[in-house]
Amino acid sequence: ALLSLSMVTARAAVLLSRLRAVRTAT
């Protein structure tokens, strides 16, 4: 269960980094 939860949390971190990268590039 912790493995699954940490997978989803890492996905959220990836989305945040993608969001910041596009904002910074703009």
PDB file of all heavy atoms in Angstrom:
ATOM      1  N   ALA A   1       0.838  -1.207   0.000  1.00  0.00           N
ATOM      2  CA  ALA A   1       0.000   0.000   0.000  1.00  0.00           C
ATOM      3  C   ALA A   1       0.871   1.255   0.000  1.00  0.00           C
ATOM      4  O   ALA A   1       0.586   2.217  -0.726  1.00  0.00           O
ATOM      5  CB  ALA A   1      -0.930  -0.013   1.199  1.00  0.00           C
ATOM      6  N   LEU A   2       1.946   1.263   0.785  1.00  0.00           N
ATOM      7  CA  LEU A   2       2.852   2.405   0.798  1.00  0.00           C
ATOM      8  C   LEU A   2       3.566   2.564  -0.540  1.00  0.00           C
ATOM      9  O   LEU A   2       3.807   3.691  -0.989  1.00  0.00           O
ATOM     10  CB  LEU A   2       3.873   2.265   1.928  1.00  0.00           C
ATOM     11  CG  LEU A   2       3.329   2.489   3.334  1.00  0.00           C
ATOM     12  CD1 LEU A   2       4.378   2.127   4.380  1.00  0.00           C
ATOM     13  CD2 LEU A   2       2.868   3.927   3.508  1.00  0.00           C
ATOM     14  N   LEU A   3       3.898   1.453  -1.181  1.00  0.00           N
ATOM     15  CA  LEU A   3       4.505   1.504  -2.509  1.00  0.00           C
ATOM     16  C   LEU A   3       3.558   2.195  -3.489  1.00  0.00           C
ATOM     17  O   LEU A   3       3.961   3.098  -4.233  1.00  0.00           O
ATOM     18  CB  LEU A   3       4.845   0.082  -2.976  1.00  0.00           C
ATOM     19  CG  LEU A   3       5.677  -0.030  -4.244  1.00  0.00           C
ATOM     20  CD1 LEU A   3       6.643  -1.191  -4.109  1.00  0.00           C
ATOM     21  CD2 LEU A   3       4.835  -0.227  -5.463  1.00  0.00           C
ATOM     22  N   SER A   4       2.302   1.810  -3.484  1.00  0.00           N
ATOM     23  CA  SER A   4       1.313   2.426  -4.380  1.00  0.00           C
ATOM     24  C   SER A   4       1.128   3.904  -4.068  1.00  0.00           C
ATOM     25  O   SER A   4       1.067   4.736  -4.973  1.00  0.00           O
ATOM     26  CB  SER A   4      -0.035   1.711  -4.255  1.00  0.00           C
ATOM     27  OG  SER A   4       0.067   0.390  -4.679  1.00  0.00           O
ATOM     28  N   LEU A   5       1.040   4.224  -2.806  1.00  0.00           N
ATOM     29  CA  LEU A   5       0.850   5.612  -2.390  1.00  0.00           C
ATOM     30  C   LEU A   5       2.040   6.471  -2.797  1.00  0.00           C
ATOM     31  O   LEU A   5       1.868   7.598  -3.284  1.00  0.00           O
ATOM     32  CB  LEU A   5       0.629   5.666  -0.877  1.00  0.00           C
ATOM     33  CG  LEU A   5       0.340   7.018  -0.257  1.00  0.00           C
ATOM     34  CD1 LEU A   5      -0.905   7.651  -0.874  1.00  0.00           C
ATOM     35  CD2 LEU A   5       0.174   6.880   1.241  1.00  0.00           C
ATOM     36  N   SER A   6       3.238   5.956  -2.642  1.00  0.00           N
ATOM     37  CA  SER A   6       4.421   6.741  -3.022  1.00  0.00           C
ATOM     38  C   SER A   6       4.547   6.873  -4.546  1.00  0.00           C
ATOM     39  O   SER A   6       5.073   7.873  -5.039  1.00  0.00           O
ATOM     40  CB  SER A   6       5.691   6.152  -2.400  1.00  0.00           C
ATOM     41  OG  SER A   6       5.918   4.834  -2.827  1.00  0.00           O
ATOM     42  N   MET A   7       4.044   5.901  -5.292  1.00  0.00           N
ATOM     43  CA  MET A   7       4.021   6.036  -6.759  1.00  0.00           C
ATOM     44  C   MET A   7       3.149   7.222  -7.168  1.00  0.00           C
ATOM     45  O   MET A   7       3.536   8.033  -8.014  1.00  0.00           O
ATOM     46  CB  MET A   7       3.470   4.765  -7.412  1.00  0.00           C
ATOM     47  CG  MET A   7       4.438   3.628  -7.507  1.00  0.00           C
ATOM     48  SD  MET A   7       3.701   2.095  -8.145  1.00  0.00           S
ATOM     49  CE  MET A   7       3.042   2.592  -9.707  1.00  0.00           C
ATOM     50  N   VAL A   8       1.990   7.333  -6.560  1.00  0.00           N
ATOM     51  CA  VAL A   8       1.066   8.412  -6.885  1.00  0.00           C
ATOM     52  C   VAL A   8       1.617   9.763  -6.430  1.00  0.00           C
ATOM     53  O   VAL A   8       1.477  10.770  -7.121  1.00  0.00           O
ATOM     54  CB  VAL A   8      -0.324   8.136  -6.261  1.00  0.00           C
ATOM     55  CG1 VAL A   8      -1.271   9.282  -6.499  1.00  0.00           C
ATOM     56  CG2 VAL A   8      -0.901   6.855  -6.827  1.00  0.00           C
ATOM     57  N   THR A   9       2.276   9.769  -5.294  1.00  0.00           N
ATOM     58  CA  THR A   9       2.884  11.011  -4.797  1.00  0.00           C
ATOM     59  C   THR A   9       4.020  11.463  -5.719  1.00  0.00           C
ATOM     60  O   THR A   9       4.159  12.662  -5.994  1.00  0.00           O
ATOM     61  CB  THR A   9       3.388  10.817  -3.357  1.00  0.00           C
ATOM     62  OG1 THR A   9       2.302  10.352  -2.554  1.00  0.00           O
ATOM     63  CG2 THR A   9       3.937  12.095  -2.779  1.00  0.00           C
ATOM     64  N   ALA A  10       4.810  10.524  -6.207  1.00  0.00           N
ATOM     65  CA  ALA A  10       5.878  10.868  -7.154  1.00  0.00           C
ATOM     66  C   ALA A  10       5.283  11.413  -8.452  1.00  0.00           C
ATOM     67  O   ALA A  10       5.828  12.344  -9.054  1.00  0.00           O
ATOM     68  CB  ALA A  10       6.751   9.643  -7.433  1.00  0.00           C
ATOM     69  N   ARG A  11       4.166  10.879  -8.879  1.00  0.00           N
ATOM     70  CA  ARG A  11       3.471  11.384 -10.063  1.00  0.00           C
ATOM     71  C   ARG A  11       3.058  12.834  -9.861  1.00  0.00           C
ATOM     72  O   ARG A  11       3.188  13.677 -10.739  1.00  0.00           O
ATOM     73  CB  ARG A  11       2.254  10.525 -10.363  1.00  0.00           C
ATOM     74  CG  ARG A  11       1.363  11.057 -11.460  1.00  0.00           C
ATOM     75  CD  ARG A  11      -0.090  10.619 -11.184  1.00  0.00           C
ATOM     76  NE  ARG A  11      -1.033  11.395 -11.928  1.00  0.00           N
ATOM     77  CZ  ARG A  11      -1.675  12.458 -11.445  1.00  0.00           C
ATOM     78  NH1 ARG A  11      -1.459  12.866 -10.224  1.00  0.00           N
ATOM     79  NH2 ARG A  11      -2.528  13.108 -12.198  1.00  0.00           N
ATOM     80  N   ALA A  12       2.559  13.156  -8.664  1.00  0.00           N
ATOM     81  CA  ALA A  12       2.176  14.537  -8.360  1.00  0.00           C
ATOM     82  C   ALA A  12       3.395  15.454  -8.436  1.00  0.00           C
ATOM     83  O   ALA A  12       3.303  16.576  -8.951  1.00  0.00           O
ATOM     84  CB  ALA A  12       1.531  14.608  -6.975  1.00  0.00           C
ATOM     85  N   ALA A  13       4.538  14.984  -7.955  1.00  0.00           N
ATOM     86  CA  ALA A  13       5.766  15.771  -8.032  1.00  0.00           C
ATOM     87  C   ALA A  13       6.183  16.001  -9.488  1.00  0.00           C
ATOM     88  O   ALA A  13       6.640  17.095  -9.848  1.00  0.00           O
ATOM     89  CB  ALA A  13       6.883  15.075  -7.257  1.00  0.00           C
ATOM     90  N   VAL A  14       6.023  14.991 -10.329  1.00  0.00           N
ATOM     91  CA  VAL A  14       6.349  15.143 -11.752  1.00  0.00           C
ATOM     92  C   VAL A  14       5.434  16.187 -12.388  1.00  0.00           C
ATOM     93  O   VAL A  14       5.884  17.055 -13.148  1.00  0.00           O
ATOM     94  CB  VAL A  14       6.248  13.785 -12.498  1.00  0.00           C
ATOM     95  CG1 VAL A  14       6.283  13.968 -14.005  1.00  0.00           C
ATOM     96  CG2 VAL A  14       7.362  12.857 -12.047  1.00  0.00           C
ATOM     97  N   LEU A  15       4.139  16.129 -12.093  1.00  0.00           N
ATOM     98  CA  LEU A  15       3.210  17.119 -12.650  1.00  0.00           C
ATOM     99  C   LEU A  15       3.572  18.528 -12.191  1.00  0.00           C
ATOM    100  O   LEU A  15       3.537  19.471 -12.998  1.00  0.00           O
ATOM    101  CB  LEU A  15       1.772  16.788 -12.261  1.00  0.00           C
ATOM    102  CG  LEU A  15       1.126  15.620 -12.995  1.00  0.00           C
ATOM    103  CD1 LEU A  15      -0.269  15.354 -12.431  1.00  0.00           C
ATOM    104  CD2 LEU A  15       1.058  15.873 -14.479  1.00  0.00           C
ATOM    105  N   LEU A  16       3.913  18.689 -10.927  1.00  0.00           N
ATOM    106  CA  LEU A  16       4.324  20.005 -10.432  1.00  0.00           C
ATOM    107  C   LEU A  16       5.588  20.498 -11.121  1.00  0.00           C
ATOM    108  O   LEU A  16       5.693  21.677 -11.470  1.00  0.00           O
ATOM    109  CB  LEU A  16       4.538  19.959  -8.918  1.00  0.00           C
ATOM    110  CG  LEU A  16       3.283  19.982  -8.067  1.00  0.00           C
ATOM    111  CD1 LEU A  16       3.627  19.724  -6.605  1.00  0.00           C
ATOM    112  CD2 LEU A  16       2.558  21.308  -8.225  1.00  0.00           C
ATOM    113  N   SER A  17       6.543  19.605 -11.338  1.00  0.00           N
ATOM    114  CA  SER A  17       7.774  20.016 -12.015  1.00  0.00           C
ATOM    115  C   SER A  17       7.515  20.380 -13.472  1.00  0.00           C
ATOM    116  O   SER A  17       8.099  21.331 -13.989  1.00  0.00           O
ATOM    117  CB  SER A  17       8.846  18.924 -11.911  1.00  0.00           C
ATOM    118  OG  SER A  17       8.541  17.829 -12.742  1.00  0.00           O
ATOM    119  N   ARG A  18       6.614  19.656 -14.136  1.00  0.00           N
ATOM    120  CA  ARG A  18       6.248  20.000 -15.519  1.00  0.00           C
ATOM    121  C   ARG A  18       5.560  21.366 -15.569  1.00  0.00           C
ATOM    122  O   ARG A  18       5.823  22.182 -16.437  1.00  0.00           O
ATOM    123  CB  ARG A  18       5.321  18.944 -16.118  1.00  0.00           C
ATOM    124  CG  ARG A  18       5.886  17.547 -16.206  1.00  0.00           C
ATOM    125  CD  ARG A  18       6.890  17.424 -17.341  1.00  0.00           C
ATOM    126  NE  ARG A  18       7.148  16.042 -17.652  1.00  0.00           N
ATOM    127  CZ  ARG A  18       8.150  15.320 -17.157  1.00  0.00           C
ATOM    128  NH1 ARG A  18       8.994  15.864 -16.320  1.00  0.00           N
ATOM    129  NH2 ARG A  18       8.323  14.068 -17.516  1.00  0.00           N
ATOM    130  N   LEU A  19       4.680  21.614 -14.617  1.00  0.00           N
ATOM    131  CA  LEU A  19       3.973  22.885 -14.532  1.00  0.00           C
ATOM    132  C   LEU A  19       4.953  24.037 -14.341  1.00  0.00           C
ATOM    133  O   LEU A  19       4.899  25.042 -15.060  1.00  0.00           O
ATOM    134  CB  LEU A  19       2.966  22.840 -13.374  1.00  0.00           C
ATOM    135  CG  LEU A  19       2.137  24.091 -13.111  1.00  0.00           C
ATOM    136  CD1 LEU A  19       1.165  24.325 -14.256  1.00  0.00           C
ATOM    137  CD2 LEU A  19       1.390  23.952 -11.794  1.00  0.00           C
ATOM    138  N   ARG A  20       5.870  23.883 -13.430  1.00  0.00           N
ATOM    139  CA  ARG A  20       6.864  24.934 -13.171  1.00  0.00           C
ATOM    140  C   ARG A  20       7.798  25.133 -14.349  1.00  0.00           C
ATOM    141  O   ARG A  20       8.179  26.264 -14.657  1.00  0.00           O
ATOM    142  CB  ARG A  20       7.648  24.604 -11.914  1.00  0.00           C
ATOM    143  CG  ARG A  20       6.819  24.770 -10.677  1.00  0.00           C
ATOM    144  CD  ARG A  20       7.614  24.614  -9.407  1.00  0.00           C
ATOM    145  NE  ARG A  20       6.713  24.736  -8.273  1.00  0.00           N
ATOM    146  CZ  ARG A  20       6.768  23.992  -7.196  1.00  0.00           C
ATOM    147  NH1 ARG A  20       7.684  23.060  -7.088  1.00  0.00           N
ATOM    148  NH2 ARG A  20       5.910  24.169  -6.218  1.00  0.00           N
ATOM    149  N   ALA A  21       8.172  24.052 -15.007  1.00  0.00           N
ATOM    150  CA  ALA A  21       9.079  24.163 -16.153  1.00  0.00           C
ATOM    151  C   ALA A  21       8.438  24.958 -17.289  1.00  0.00           C
ATOM    152  O   ALA A  21       9.084  25.813 -17.901  1.00  0.00           O
ATOM    153  CB  ALA A  21       9.491  22.774 -16.641  1.00  0.00           C
ATOM    154  N   VAL A  22       7.184  24.689 -17.567  1.00  0.00           N
ATOM    155  CA  VAL A  22       6.500  25.418 -18.651  1.00  0.00           C
ATOM    156  C   VAL A  22       6.293  26.874 -18.252  1.00  0.00           C
ATOM    157  O   VAL A  22       6.477  27.782 -19.067  1.00  0.00           O
ATOM    158  CB  VAL A  22       5.170  24.730 -19.028  1.00  0.00           C
ATOM    159  CG1 VAL A  22       4.366  25.582 -19.996  1.00  0.00           C
ATOM    160  CG2 VAL A  22       5.436  23.363 -19.635  1.00  0.00           C
ATOM    161  N   ARG A  23       5.935  27.128 -17.003  1.00  0.00           N
ATOM    162  CA  ARG A  23       5.767  28.515 -16.537  1.00  0.00           C
ATOM    163  C   ARG A  23       7.085  29.279 -16.627  1.00  0.00           C
ATOM    164  O   ARG A  23       7.123  30.419 -17.062  1.00  0.00           O
ATOM    165  CB  ARG A  23       5.260  28.540 -15.098  1.00  0.00           C
ATOM    166  CG  ARG A  23       3.808  28.313 -14.975  1.00  0.00           C
ATOM    167  CD  ARG A  23       3.362  28.499 -13.542  1.00  0.00           C
ATOM    168  NE  ARG A  23       1.939  28.225 -13.417  1.00  0.00           N
ATOM    169  CZ  ARG A  23       1.349  27.920 -12.291  1.00  0.00           C
ATOM    170  NH1 ARG A  23       2.059  27.853 -11.164  1.00  0.00           N
ATOM    171  NH2 ARG A  23       0.042  27.690 -12.255  1.00  0.00           N
ATOM    172  N   THR A  24       8.177  28.653 -16.216  1.00  0.00           N
ATOM    173  CA  THR A  24       9.491  29.279 -16.257  1.00  0.00           C
ATOM    174  C   THR A  24       9.911  29.556 -17.701  1.00  0.00           C
ATOM    175  O   THR A  24      10.441  30.615 -18.004  1.00  0.00           O
ATOM    176  CB  THR A  24      10.541  28.399 -15.556  1.00  0.00           C
ATOM    177  OG1 THR A  24      10.107  28.154 -14.221  1.00  0.00           O
ATOM    178  CG2 THR A  24      11.893  29.052 -15.543  1.00  0.00           C
ATOM    179  N   ALA A  25       9.667  28.612 -18.581  1.00  0.00           N
ATOM    180  CA  ALA A  25      10.016  28.801 -19.986  1.00  0.00           C
ATOM    181  C   ALA A  25       9.234  29.953 -20.604  1.00  0.00           C
ATOM    182  O   ALA A  25       9.753  30.697 -21.423  1.00  0.00           O
ATOM    183  CB  ALA A  25       9.779  27.514 -20.769  1.00  0.00           C
ATOM    184  N   THR A  26       8.005  30.137 -20.192  1.00  0.00           N
ATOM    185  CA  THR A  26       7.170  31.210 -20.696  1.00  0.00           C
ATOM    186  C   THR A  26       7.655  32.560 -20.181  1.00  0.00           C
ATOM    187  O   THR A  26       7.680  33.546 -20.909  1.00  0.00           O
ATOM    188  CB  THR A  26       5.693  30.990 -20.290  1.00  0.00           C
ATOM    189  OG1 THR A  26       5.305  29.697 -20.732  1.00  0.00           O
ATOM    190  CG2 THR A  26       4.785  32.036 -20.878  1.00  0.00           C
TER     191      THR A  26
END
